C-alpha atoms as a PDB file:
ATOM      1  CA  MET A   1       0.551   3.707  11.111  1.00  0.00           C
ATOM      2  CA  SER A   2       3.562   5.062   9.196  1.00  0.00           C
ATOM      3  CA  ASP A   3       3.481   8.480   8.214  1.00  0.00           C
ATOM      4  CA  SER A   4       3.276   7.703   4.460  1.00  0.00           C
ATOM      5  CA  GLU A   5       0.225   5.744   5.226  1.00  0.00           C
ATOM      6  CA  ALA A   6      -1.301   8.459   7.105  1.00  0.00           C
ATOM      7  CA  LEU A   7      -0.597  11.088   4.342  1.00  0.00           C
ATOM      8  CA  THR A   8      -2.218   8.609   1.789  1.00  0.00           C
ATOM      9  CA  VAL A   9      -5.167  10.608  -0.397  1.00  0.00           C
ATOM     10  CA  LEU A  10      -7.020   7.021  -1.146  1.00  0.00           C
ATOM     11  CA  SER A  11      -7.926   4.329   0.944  1.00  0.00           C
ATOM     12  CA  ILE A  12      -7.580   0.679  -0.858  1.00  0.00           C
ATOM     13  CA  ALA A  13      -9.459  -2.377   0.390  1.00  0.00           C
ATOM     14  CA  PRO A  14      -6.639  -5.332   0.745  1.00  0.00           C
ATOM     15  CA  ASP A  15      -8.247  -7.410  -1.641  1.00  0.00           C
ATOM     16  CA  ALA A  16      -8.476  -4.604  -4.486  1.00  0.00           C
ATOM     17  CA  VAL A  17      -4.519  -4.238  -3.587  1.00  0.00           C
ATOM     18  CA  GLU A  18      -4.124  -7.804  -4.230  1.00  0.00           C
ATOM     19  CA  MET A  19      -6.270  -7.827  -7.332  1.00  0.00           C
ATOM     20  CA  ILE A  20      -4.405  -4.942  -8.750  1.00  0.00           C
ATOM     21  CA  THR A  21      -0.833  -5.537  -8.222  1.00  0.00           C
ATOM     22  CA  THR A  22      -1.785  -9.120  -9.798  1.00  0.00           C
ATOM     23  CA  LEU A  23      -2.682  -7.263 -13.057  1.00  0.00           C
ATOM     24  CA  ALA A  24       0.252  -4.634 -12.792  1.00  0.00           C
ATOM     25  CA  GLU A  25       2.815  -7.726 -12.643  1.00  0.00           C
ATOM     26  CA  GLN A  26       1.744  -8.700 -16.456  1.00  0.00           C
ATOM     27  CA  GLU A  27       2.541  -5.782 -17.582  1.00  0.00           C
ATOM     28  CA  PRO A  28       5.151  -6.077 -20.167  1.00  0.00           C
ATOM     29  CA  GLY A  29       8.704  -5.436 -19.480  1.00  0.00           C
ATOM     30  CA  ASP A  30      10.688  -5.432 -15.922  1.00  0.00           C
ATOM     31  CA  ASP A  31       9.663  -1.735 -14.972  1.00  0.00           C
ATOM     32  CA  GLU A  32       7.722  -1.502 -11.715  1.00  0.00           C
ATOM     33  CA  TYR A  33       4.158  -0.418 -12.906  1.00  0.00           C
ATOM     34  CA  GLY A  34       1.938   1.441 -10.581  1.00  0.00           C
ATOM     35  CA  LEU A  35      -1.889   2.059 -10.877  1.00  0.00           C
ATOM     36  CA  TYR A  36      -2.467   5.637 -12.603  1.00  0.00           C
ATOM     37  CA  ILE A  37      -6.046   7.313 -11.372  1.00  0.00           C
ATOM     38  CA  GLU A  38      -7.030  10.547 -12.954  1.00  0.00           C
ATOM     39  CA  VAL A  39     -10.166  12.583 -12.716  1.00  0.00           C
ATOM     40  CA  THR A  40     -11.345  12.607 -16.366  1.00  0.00           C
ATOM     41  CA  GLY A  41     -14.482  14.690 -15.830  1.00  0.00           C
ATOM     42  CA  ILE A  42     -18.134  15.164 -14.162  1.00  0.00           C
ATOM     43  CA  ARG A  43     -21.427  12.741 -14.975  1.00  0.00           C
ATOM     44  CA  GLY A  44     -24.300  13.914 -12.832  1.00  0.00           C
ATOM     45  CA  PRO A  45     -23.567  15.004  -9.214  1.00  0.00           C
ATOM     46  CA  GLN A  46     -19.890  12.583  -9.449  1.00  0.00           C
ATOM     47  CA  PHE A  47     -16.875  12.793 -10.892  1.00  0.00           C
ATOM     48  CA  THR A  48     -15.554  10.418 -13.572  1.00  0.00           C
ATOM     49  CA  TYR A  49     -12.407   8.507 -13.447  1.00  0.00           C
ATOM     50  CA  ASP A  50     -10.031   6.893 -15.984  1.00  0.00           C
ATOM     51  CA  LEU A  51      -7.604   4.115 -14.357  1.00  0.00           C
ATOM     52  CA  SER A  52      -4.750   2.541 -16.163  1.00  0.00           C
ATOM     53  CA  PHE A  53      -0.938   1.272 -15.163  1.00  0.00           C
ATOM     54  CA  MET A  54       1.952   3.253 -15.834  1.00  0.00           C
ATOM     55  CA  PRO A  55       5.809   2.788 -15.051  1.00  0.00           C
ATOM     56  CA  VAL A  56       6.385   4.413 -11.802  1.00  0.00           C
ATOM     57  CA  ALA A  57       9.659   5.551 -13.243  1.00  0.00           C
ATOM     58  CA  ASP A  58       7.503   7.815 -15.603  1.00  0.00           C
ATOM     59  CA  ALA A  59       5.865   9.658 -13.023  1.00  0.00           C
ATOM     60  CA  THR A  60       6.546  13.413 -13.080  1.00  0.00           C
ATOM     61  CA  ASP A  61       6.615  15.965 -10.473  1.00  0.00           C
ATOM     62  CA  ALA A  62       3.225  17.276 -11.225  1.00  0.00           C
ATOM     63  CA  GLN A  63       1.918  13.671 -10.025  1.00  0.00           C
ATOM     64  CA  LEU A  64       1.886  12.263  -6.672  1.00  0.00           C
ATOM     65  CA  VAL A  65       3.041   8.922  -5.923  1.00  0.00           C
ATOM     66  CA  GLU A  66       1.804   6.873  -2.940  1.00  0.00           C
ATOM     67  CA  ARG A  67       1.997   3.346  -1.536  1.00  0.00           C
ATOM     68  CA  HIS A  68      -0.494   0.534  -0.372  1.00  0.00           C
ATOM     69  CA  ASP A  69       1.794  -2.315   0.304  1.00  0.00           C
ATOM     70  CA  MET A  70       3.164  -3.332  -2.852  1.00  0.00           C
ATOM     71  CA  LEU A  71       1.253  -1.317  -5.033  1.00  0.00           C
ATOM     72  CA  ALA A  72       2.192   2.355  -6.081  1.00  0.00           C
ATOM     73  CA  VAL A  73      -0.776   4.369  -6.940  1.00  0.00           C
ATOM     74  CA  ILE A  74      -0.141   7.643  -9.238  1.00  0.00           C
ATOM     75  CA  LEU A  75      -2.083  10.713  -9.010  1.00  0.00           C
ATOM     76  CA  ARG A  76      -2.184  14.115 -10.653  1.00  0.00           C
ATOM     77  CA  SER A  77      -1.641  16.538  -7.866  1.00  0.00           C
ATOM     78  CA  GLU A  78      -4.843  18.584  -9.423  1.00  0.00           C
ATOM     79  CA  ASP A  79      -6.860  15.728  -8.500  1.00  0.00           C
ATOM     80  CA  VAL A  80      -5.562  15.554  -5.024  1.00  0.00           C
ATOM     81  CA  GLU A  81      -8.430  17.243  -3.550  1.00  0.00           C
ATOM     82  CA  LYS A  82     -10.931  15.780  -5.476  1.00  0.00           C
ATOM     83  CA  LEU A  83      -9.940  12.393  -4.461  1.00  0.00           C
ATOM     84  CA  ASP A  84      -8.799  13.112  -0.597  1.00  0.00           C
ATOM     85  CA  GLY A  85     -10.759  10.662   1.616  1.00  0.00           C
ATOM     86  CA  ALA A  86     -12.183   8.069  -1.297  1.00  0.00           C
ATOM     87  CA  SER A  87     -11.843   4.578  -0.873  1.00  0.00           C
ATOM     88  CA  LEU A  88     -11.396   1.809  -3.874  1.00  0.00           C
ATOM     89  CA  SER A  89     -12.901  -1.046  -3.307  1.00  0.00           C
ATOM     90  CA  LEU A  90     -13.965  -4.941  -5.122  1.00  0.00           C
ATOM     91  CA  SER A  91     -17.453  -5.615  -5.939  1.00  0.00           C
ATOM     92  CA  ASP A  92     -18.994  -8.204  -7.969  1.00  0.00           C
ATOM     93  CA  GLU A  93     -18.437  -5.685 -10.686  1.00  0.00           C
ATOM     94  CA  GLY A  94     -15.171  -4.782 -10.433  1.00  0.00           C
ATOM     95  CA  LEU A  95     -13.373  -1.957  -8.746  1.00  0.00           C
ATOM     96  CA  ALA A  96     -15.488   0.570  -7.193  1.00  0.00           C
ATOM     97  CA  MET A  97     -14.796   4.360  -6.282  1.00  0.00           C
ATOM     98  CA  ASN A  98     -16.522   5.791  -3.194  1.00  0.00           C
ATOM     99  CA  ASN A  99     -15.864   9.497  -3.084  1.00  0.00           C
ATOM    100  CA  PRO A 100     -17.073  11.789  -0.511  1.00  0.00           C
ATOM    101  CA  ASN A 101     -16.080  14.741  -2.478  1.00  0.00           C
ATOM    102  CA  THR A 102     -18.487  16.141  -5.390  1.00  0.00           C
ATOM    103  CA  PRO A 103     -18.036  18.408  -8.256  1.00  0.00           C
ATOM    104  CA  ALA A 104     -18.771  22.085  -7.178  1.00  0.00           C
ATOM    105  CA  THR A 105     -22.190  23.275  -8.525  1.00  0.00           C
ATOM    106  CA  PRO A 106     -21.665  25.753 -11.360  1.00  0.00           C
ATOM    107  CA  THR A 107     -23.368  29.073 -10.220  1.00  0.00           C
ATOM    108  CA  ILE A 108     -25.719  30.140 -12.702  1.00  0.00           C
ATOM    109  CA  ALA A 109     -27.065  33.540 -13.343  1.00  0.00           C
ATOM    110  CA  ALA A 110     -30.769  34.166 -13.411  1.00  0.00           C
ATOM    111  CA  PRO A 111     -31.774  36.273 -16.358  1.00  0.00           C
ATOM    112  CA  GLN A 112     -33.375  39.735 -16.025  1.00  0.00           C
ATOM    113  CA  GLY A 113     -36.882  38.337 -15.330  1.00  0.00           C
ATOM    114  CA  ASP A 114     -40.136  39.227 -13.325  1.00  0.00           C
ATOM    115  CA  LEU A 115     -41.392  39.082  -9.779  1.00  0.00           C
ATOM    116  CA  THR A 116     -44.952  39.980 -10.655  1.00  0.00           C
ATOM    117  CA  GLY A 117     -47.918  38.664 -12.633  1.00  0.00           C
ATOM    118  CA  PRO A 118     -49.866  35.396 -11.914  1.00  0.00           C
ATOM    119  CA  LEU A 119     -47.264  32.815 -12.575  1.00  0.00           C
ATOM    120  CA  ALA A 120     -44.922  34.586 -10.026  1.00  0.00           C
ATOM    121  CA  ASP A 121     -47.652  34.919  -7.589  1.00  0.00           C
ATOM    122  CA  GLN A 122     -48.313  31.158  -7.878  1.00  0.00           C
ATOM    123  CA  ILE A 123     -44.941  30.234  -6.974  1.00  0.00           C
ATOM    124  CA  GLN A 124     -44.406  32.482  -3.913  1.00  0.00           C
ATOM    125  CA  THR A 125     -47.622  31.250  -2.776  1.00  0.00           C
ATOM    126  CA  VAL A 126     -46.540  27.439  -3.012  1.00  0.00           C
ATOM    127  CA  LEU A 127     -42.872  28.217  -1.895  1.00  0.00           C
ATOM    128  CA  GLU A 128     -44.637  29.831   1.287  1.00  0.00           C
ATOM    129  CA  GLN A 129     -47.267  27.408   2.043  1.00  0.00           C
ATOM    130  CA  GLN A 130     -45.890  23.995   0.962  1.00  0.00           C
ATOM    131  CA  VAL A 131     -42.247  24.152   0.001  1.00  0.00           C
ATOM    132  CA  ASN A 132     -40.684  26.127   2.713  1.00  0.00           C
ATOM    133  CA  PRO A 133     -42.411  24.402   5.412  1.00  0.00           C
ATOM    134  CA  ALA A 134     -41.307  21.219   4.556  1.00  0.00           C
ATOM    135  CA  ILE A 135     -37.489  22.326   4.520  1.00  0.00           C
ATOM    136  CA  ALA A 136     -37.535  24.349   7.620  1.00  0.00           C
ATOM    137  CA  SER A 137     -36.629  21.329   9.784  1.00  0.00           C
ATOM    138  CA  HIS A 138     -33.182  21.079   7.950  1.00  0.00           C
ATOM    139  CA  GLY A 139     -32.932  24.968   8.712  1.00  0.00           C
ATOM    140  CA  GLY A 140     -33.051  25.547   4.743  1.00  0.00           C
ATOM    141  CA  GLY A 141     -35.714  27.666   2.588  1.00  0.00           C
ATOM    142  CA  ALA A 142     -36.162  28.486  -1.081  1.00  0.00           C
ATOM    143  CA  GLU A 143     -36.484  32.163  -2.401  1.00  0.00           C
ATOM    144  CA  LEU A 144     -37.928  32.918  -5.648  1.00  0.00           C
ATOM    145  CA  VAL A 145     -35.128  35.348  -7.450  1.00  0.00           C
ATOM    146  CA  SER A 146     -36.880  35.578 -10.839  1.00  0.00           C
ATOM    147  CA  VAL A 147     -39.369  34.336 -13.726  1.00  0.00           C
ATOM    148  CA  ASP A 148     -38.581  34.263 -17.126  1.00  0.00           C
ATOM    149  CA  GLY A 149     -41.491  32.792 -19.059  1.00  0.00           C
ATOM    150  CA  THR A 150     -42.522  29.718 -17.944  1.00  0.00           C
ATOM    151  CA  ILE A 151     -38.863  29.010 -16.063  1.00  0.00           C
ATOM    152  CA  ALA A 152     -38.696  29.731 -12.173  1.00  0.00           C
ATOM    153  CA  TYR A 153     -34.987  30.507 -10.742  1.00  0.00           C
ATOM    154  CA  LEU A 154     -34.761  30.164  -7.211  1.00  0.00           C
ATOM    155  CA  LYS A 155     -32.071  30.745  -4.328  1.00  0.00           C
ATOM    156  CA  LEU A 156     -31.415  28.113  -1.634  1.00  0.00           C
ATOM    157  CA  MET A 157     -30.750  29.645   1.486  1.00  0.00           C
ATOM    158  CA  GLY A 158     -29.752  28.466   5.299  1.00  0.00           C
ATOM    159  CA  GLY A 159     -29.025  24.779   5.314  1.00  0.00           C
ATOM    160  CA  CYS A 160     -29.879  24.020   2.014  1.00  0.00           C
ATOM    161  CA  GLN A 161     -26.929  26.523   0.587  1.00  0.00           C
ATOM    162  CA  GLY A 162     -23.810  24.388   0.048  1.00  0.00           C
ATOM    163  CA  CYS A 163     -25.734  21.097   1.348  1.00  0.00           C
ATOM    164  CA  GLY A 164     -24.479  17.821  -0.752  1.00  0.00           C
ATOM    165  CA  MET A 165     -28.369  16.868  -1.201  1.00  0.00           C
ATOM    166  CA  ALA A 166     -29.197  20.415  -2.458  1.00  0.00           C
ATOM    167  CA  GLN A 167     -29.797  18.753  -6.182  1.00  0.00           C
ATOM    168  CA  VAL A 168     -31.780  16.070  -4.891  1.00  0.00           C
ATOM    169  CA  THR A 169     -33.988  18.199  -2.763  1.00  0.00           C
ATOM    170  CA  LEU A 170     -34.244  20.646  -5.527  1.00  0.00           C
ATOM    171  CA  ARG A 171     -35.201  17.904  -7.903  1.00  0.00           C
ATOM    172  CA  GLN A 172     -37.157  15.180  -5.900  1.00  0.00           C
ATOM    173  CA  GLY A 173     -38.709  17.922  -3.470  1.00  0.00           C
ATOM    174  CA  ILE A 174     -39.207  21.594  -4.485  1.00  0.00           C
ATOM    175  CA  GLU A 175     -39.382  21.039  -8.217  1.00  0.00           C
ATOM    176  CA  ARG A 176     -41.994  18.300  -8.094  1.00  0.00           C
ATOM    177  CA  ILE A 177     -43.801  20.311  -5.510  1.00  0.00           C
ATOM    178  CA  LEU A 178     -44.040  23.479  -8.006  1.00  0.00           C
ATOM    179  CA  MET A 179     -44.672  21.602 -11.175  1.00  0.00           C
ATOM    180  CA  GLU A 180     -47.501  19.471  -9.693  1.00  0.00           C
ATOM    181  CA  ALA A 181     -49.142  22.501  -8.216  1.00  0.00           C
ATOM    182  CA  ILE A 182     -48.612  25.094 -11.285  1.00  0.00           C
ATOM    183  CA  PRO A 183     -48.994  23.369 -14.670  1.00  0.00           C
ATOM    184  CA  ASP A 184     -47.880  26.165 -16.713  1.00  0.00           C
ATOM    185  CA  LEU A 185     -44.369  25.999 -14.920  1.00  0.00           C
ATOM    186  CA  SER A 186     -42.431  24.459 -17.270  1.00  0.00           C
ATOM    187  CA  ALA A 187     -38.527  24.337 -15.330  1.00  0.00           C
ATOM    188  CA  VAL A 188     -37.103  24.794 -11.951  1.00  0.00           C
ATOM    189  CA  ILE A 189     -33.481  26.210 -11.961  1.00  0.00           C
ATOM    190  CA  ASP A 190     -31.369  26.542  -8.798  1.00  0.00           C
ATOM    191  CA  VAL A 191     -29.119  29.439  -9.304  1.00  0.00           C
ATOM    192  CA  THR A 192     -27.627  29.306  -5.454  1.00  0.00           C
ATOM    193  CA  ASP A 193     -23.795  29.851  -4.762  1.00  0.00           C
ATOM    194  CA  HIS A 194     -23.322  26.908  -3.125  1.00  0.00           C
ATOM    195  CA  GLU A 195     -19.530  27.720  -2.633  1.00  0.00           C
ATOM    196  CA  SER A 196     -20.219  30.410   0.081  1.00  0.00           C
ATOM    197  CA  GLY A 197     -22.489  28.322   1.764  1.00  0.00           C
ATOM    198  CA  THR A 198     -21.430  28.288   5.805  1.00  0.00           C
ATOM    199  CA  ASP A 199     -23.922  25.993   7.509  1.00  0.00           C
ATOM    200  CA  PRO A 200     -25.292  22.952   5.327  1.00  0.00           C
ATOM    201  CA  TYR A 201     -27.713  20.593   6.562  1.00  0.00           C
ATOM    202  CA  TYR A 202     -26.031  17.665   4.949  1.00  0.00           C
ATOM    203  CA  GLN A 203     -22.213  17.430   4.147  1.00  0.00           C
ATOM    204  CA  ALA A 204     -20.058  14.389   2.925  1.00  0.00           C
ATOM    205  CA  ALA A 205     -17.935  13.203   5.660  1.00  0.00           C
ATOM    206  CA  LYS A 206     -14.339  12.870   4.884  1.00  0.00           C
ATOM    207  CA  LYS A 207     -12.710   9.906   6.141  1.00  0.00           C
END
């Protein structure tokens, strides 16, 4: 493997390279066209992307050009970290991006609420008796931070802090358990600072 191949941000399946190269060659004019990939935003727990063709000669210093056989791929420098280790493959539906990187979970500040009263007591009881024993095997835990009206604000700890599956755990596990047990509860919101997690149970592995 050459140094340039070793330093590539993306990996692209050979059949995808062949298909993209064929399409790029159909662009008008004599310029060499490369595949321009841009991270455009976030949808749910994943990044969104825009793929287009652009002349390789038009790439600027703020962009990275990497080679995959005869195909040039152009990335914005600011997107390199978001795409590092991602792979592009060809599926029945077309090109598919498999990216181990996920957007950072925004940190939400819990409002000045209350930790006393019947609803808070019920939440504490369910957390202690049902939720925390269920996620203890992952080295995690959930703590009630605040109750504002009928909304509970939780902080995830241990193996759940910074975990790539934290939102799944919250939505499919903790939230479901709490809301089934406590009819008066209207919502459960995660206010964990996942960026500071040091020992997450699950991390997306990079290639």
